[in-house]
Amino acid sequence: MKSNSNQALRTKHFLKKAFIDMVHKKGFSAVTVKDIVDYAQYNRTTFYVYYQNIDDLVEELMEEMFEAIQYNSMSKYESNSRVKVQELTTHSFELLYYIYDHRDYFTLLLLEDTLPRIHQQLPEAIFNLLKDKFDIHYGVSIVDDHSQKRYMAYGTAGLILDWIAQDFDATPGEMTERLNRIFNTFARGFIIKEIDS
C-alpha cells in the first residue's frame, strides 16, 4: 500500500532520512531494514507498509532527487523565456541552494559504498534538462549541441562534486556566480522550451 497522505509522506521522509544517515554510518551494502526502523524509531511493519525492501526505498528516493534537481534548475523560468547570460544572477537558478539544503543526501556522492548509480544521477539530470528544456545560443556559429550539453552537464556536476568535497567552502550564491561566469565564456543566452506544468 502506497499512500500520499500527509502522515504517509512524513513517515516516508523519516524512513528516507534514517536510511541516508545509516548509509553515512555503515555504508550502503551494510544497511538493513532493522537499522533503518531502529534509527527512525518505527517498527518493521511500518517500513513494509510503504516499501517492499531497501531497493524500493532507494528507487523512490533517487527518483525524487532526480526530479528535484531538474525542478530546482527551472523553477525561476516560464516556457519561452528568453534569458541573456550576462544578466544571470546568484538567484537565477535554485539548484545549488537545493543541494546545500539537502547536503545529507548529496554528500553520499563522496562515499565509496554508496547508492547504486548515484554518481550518474546529477550529471544525467542536468544533461536531460539542458537537452529537453534549453535552446542555447552559443558564442560561435557551429556547435555540436548534443556534445556541448553533455560536456556542460558533466562539467557542472564535476564542479558541484568538488564543492561538496571541499565541505561546501563557498555559499550557494558564490557557486552560482562561478557557474554563471563559466557559462558566460561560451554562450550568449538561452530560450526555455516548453516547461511541464
Protein backbone atom coordinates (compact mmCIF):
# COMPACT_ATOMS: atom_id res chain seq x y z
CA MET A 1 0.00 0.00 0.00
CA LYS A 2 1.43 3.35 -1.02
CA SER A 3 -0.30 6.38 0.37
CA ASN A 4 0.32 10.07 -0.22
CA SER A 5 -1.46 11.39 2.88
CA ASN A 6 0.46 13.93 4.96
CA GLN A 7 1.14 11.28 7.60
CA ALA A 8 2.40 8.80 4.99
CA LEU A 9 4.66 11.43 3.41
CA ARG A 10 6.03 12.37 6.83
CA THR A 11 6.69 8.71 7.74
CA LYS A 12 8.41 8.06 4.41
CA HIS A 13 10.50 11.20 4.89
CA PHE A 14 11.73 9.93 8.27
CA LEU A 15 12.48 6.48 6.86
CA LYS A 16 14.49 8.01 3.99
CA LYS A 17 16.32 10.34 6.36
CA ALA A 18 17.18 7.38 8.61
CA PHE A 19 18.36 5.42 5.58
CA ILE A 20 20.65 8.26 4.42
CA ASP A 21 22.10 8.63 7.92
CA MET A 22 22.71 4.88 8.15
CA VAL A 23 24.47 4.80 4.77
CA HIS A 24 26.79 7.52 6.09
CA LYS A 25 27.44 5.46 9.22
CA LYS A 26 27.71 1.92 7.81
CA GLY A 27 27.92 2.10 4.02
CA PHE A 28 25.10 1.17 1.66
CA SER A 29 25.79 -2.57 1.46
CA ALA A 30 25.65 -2.98 5.26
CA VAL A 31 22.35 -1.16 5.92
CA THR A 32 19.38 -3.35 6.88
CA VAL A 33 15.69 -2.65 7.31
CA LYS A 34 16.21 -3.15 11.06
CA ASP A 35 18.88 -0.42 11.04
CA ILE A 36 16.50 1.99 9.32
CA VAL A 37 13.48 1.37 11.54
CA ASP A 38 15.50 1.35 14.76
CA TYR A 39 17.14 4.66 13.83
CA ALA A 40 13.82 6.21 12.74
CA GLN A 41 12.05 4.75 15.80
CA TYR A 42 9.45 2.85 13.81
CA ASN A 43 8.77 -0.86 13.55
CA ARG A 44 9.42 -3.16 10.61
CA THR A 45 5.70 -3.36 9.84
CA THR A 46 5.61 0.39 9.20
CA PHE A 47 8.52 0.10 6.78
CA TYR A 48 6.77 -2.67 4.82
CA VAL A 49 3.57 -0.63 4.56
CA TYR A 50 5.45 1.70 2.21
CA TYR A 51 8.34 -0.29 0.76
CA GLN A 52 8.87 -3.89 -0.32
CA ASN A 53 12.56 -3.69 0.54
CA ILE A 54 15.51 -1.28 0.72
CA ASP A 55 15.89 -1.24 -3.07
CA ASP A 56 12.30 0.03 -3.32
CA LEU A 57 13.11 2.88 -0.91
CA VAL A 58 16.31 3.70 -2.83
CA GLU A 59 14.46 3.80 -6.14
CA GLU A 60 11.85 6.22 -4.78
CA LEU A 61 14.48 8.40 -3.09
CA MET A 62 16.63 8.66 -6.19
CA GLU A 63 13.66 9.36 -8.43
CA GLU A 64 12.57 12.18 -6.09
CA MET A 65 16.07 13.66 -6.10
CA PHE A 66 16.37 13.39 -9.89
CA GLU A 67 13.12 15.31 -10.30
CA ALA A 68 14.16 17.85 -7.64
CA ILE A 69 17.46 18.54 -9.41
CA GLN A 70 15.58 19.32 -12.60
CA TYR A 71 12.82 21.31 -10.89
CA ASN A 72 15.24 23.48 -8.93
CA SER A 73 17.15 24.26 -12.10
CA MET A 74 13.97 25.51 -13.82
CA SER A 75 11.80 26.95 -11.05
CA LYS A 76 12.63 30.58 -11.92
CA TYR A 77 11.53 30.34 -15.55
CA GLU A 78 8.44 30.05 -17.69
CA SER A 79 8.06 28.46 -21.11
CA ASN A 80 9.56 30.53 -23.92
CA SER A 81 11.53 32.73 -21.51
CA ARG A 82 14.47 34.47 -23.22
CA VAL A 83 17.47 34.90 -20.96
CA LYS A 84 20.73 36.72 -21.61
CA VAL A 85 23.66 35.02 -19.91
CA GLN A 86 25.20 38.34 -18.87
CA GLU A 87 22.02 39.09 -16.90
CA LEU A 88 22.15 35.89 -14.81
CA THR A 89 22.40 36.50 -11.06
CA THR A 90 23.15 34.41 -8.00
CA HIS A 91 19.41 33.70 -7.81
CA SER A 92 18.88 32.72 -11.45
CA PHE A 93 18.95 29.03 -10.54
CA GLU A 94 17.92 27.38 -7.26
CA LEU A 95 19.85 24.14 -7.82
CA LEU A 96 22.89 24.94 -5.67
CA TYR A 97 20.70 26.20 -2.82
CA TYR A 98 18.75 22.93 -3.01
CA ILE A 99 21.93 20.84 -2.97
CA TYR A 100 23.21 22.77 0.04
CA ASP A 101 19.90 22.34 1.90
CA HIS A 102 19.96 18.58 1.15
CA ARG A 103 23.67 18.03 1.72
CA ASP A 104 23.00 14.90 3.80
CA TYR A 105 21.90 13.25 0.53
CA PHE A 106 24.46 14.83 -1.80
CA THR A 107 27.43 14.02 0.45
CA LEU A 108 26.61 10.38 -0.29
CA LEU A 109 28.47 11.11 -3.54
CA LEU A 110 31.70 11.13 -1.54
CA LEU A 111 31.27 7.61 -0.13
CA GLU A 112 32.82 4.53 -1.68
CA ASP A 113 29.99 2.21 -0.55
CA THR A 114 27.06 4.34 -1.62
CA LEU A 115 23.79 4.19 -3.55
CA PRO A 116 23.93 2.42 -6.92
CA ARG A 117 24.07 4.84 -9.89
CA ILE A 118 24.18 7.94 -7.65
CA HIS A 119 27.33 9.20 -9.38
CA GLN A 120 25.49 9.36 -12.72
CA GLN A 121 22.37 10.95 -11.26
CA LEU A 122 23.47 14.59 -11.06
CA PRO A 123 25.14 14.89 -14.49
CA GLU A 124 22.36 12.93 -16.20
CA ALA A 125 19.63 15.07 -14.59
CA ILE A 126 21.45 18.22 -15.74
CA PHE A 127 22.03 16.80 -19.23
CA ASN A 128 18.38 15.79 -19.67
CA LEU A 129 17.35 19.25 -18.60
CA LEU A 130 19.73 21.00 -21.00
CA LYS A 131 18.75 18.69 -23.85
CA ASP A 132 15.00 18.92 -23.36
CA LYS A 133 14.44 22.42 -21.96
CA PHE A 134 17.25 24.75 -23.08
CA ASP A 135 17.78 26.19 -26.56
CA ILE A 136 21.25 27.67 -26.01
CA HIS A 137 22.63 30.48 -28.17
CA TYR A 138 26.36 29.87 -28.26
CA GLY A 139 29.08 32.41 -28.95
CA VAL A 140 30.16 30.59 -32.14
CA SER A 141 28.28 29.71 -35.31
CA ILE A 142 28.81 25.93 -35.50
CA VAL A 143 28.32 23.81 -32.37
CA ASP A 144 27.59 20.14 -31.79
CA ASP A 145 24.71 20.96 -29.44
CA HIS A 146 24.34 17.43 -28.04
CA SER A 147 28.05 17.09 -27.21
CA GLN A 148 28.23 20.63 -25.83
CA LYS A 149 25.30 19.99 -23.48
CA ARG A 150 26.80 16.70 -22.31
CA TYR A 151 30.10 18.50 -21.65
CA MET A 152 28.26 21.25 -19.76
CA ALA A 153 26.32 18.72 -17.67
CA TYR A 154 29.36 16.70 -16.64
CA GLY A 155 31.48 19.81 -16.13
CA THR A 156 28.80 21.38 -13.94
CA ALA A 157 28.39 18.15 -11.96
CA GLY A 158 32.17 17.95 -11.51
CA LEU A 159 32.33 21.49 -10.17
CA ILE A 160 29.45 20.72 -7.78
CA LEU A 161 31.14 17.50 -6.64
CA ASP A 162 34.33 19.44 -5.92
CA TRP A 163 32.27 21.94 -3.90
CA ILE A 164 30.79 19.06 -1.89
CA ALA A 165 34.23 17.50 -1.40
CA GLN A 166 35.53 20.86 -0.14
CA ASP A 167 32.83 20.75 2.55
CA PHE A 168 30.78 23.49 0.87
CA ASP A 169 33.57 26.06 1.19
CA ALA A 170 31.56 28.65 -0.76
CA THR A 171 27.97 29.78 -0.35
CA PRO A 172 25.38 28.56 -2.86
CA GLY A 173 25.26 32.11 -4.22
CA GLU A 174 29.04 32.19 -4.74
CA MET A 175 28.93 28.83 -6.51
CA THR A 176 26.08 30.01 -8.74
CA GLU A 177 28.13 33.08 -9.61
CA ARG A 178 31.08 30.83 -10.56
CA LEU A 179 28.86 28.78 -12.86
CA ASN A 180 27.40 31.93 -14.39
CA ARG A 181 30.91 33.22 -15.18
CA ILE A 182 31.80 29.91 -16.85
CA PHE A 183 28.55 29.94 -18.83
CA ASN A 184 29.39 33.48 -19.97
CA THR A 185 32.56 32.24 -21.70
CA PHE A 186 30.73 30.25 -24.37
CA ALA A 187 27.05 31.25 -24.50
CA ARG A 188 25.16 34.45 -25.12
CA GLY A 189 21.78 33.34 -23.89
CA PHE A 190 19.10 30.72 -23.98
CA ILE A 191 15.41 30.19 -24.53
CA ILE A 192 13.49 27.95 -22.17
CA LYS A 193 11.47 25.41 -24.14
CA GLU A 194 8.09 24.15 -23.00
CA ILE A 195 8.01 23.57 -19.24
CA ASP A 196 5.81 20.79 -17.91
CA SER A 197 3.11 22.16 -15.67
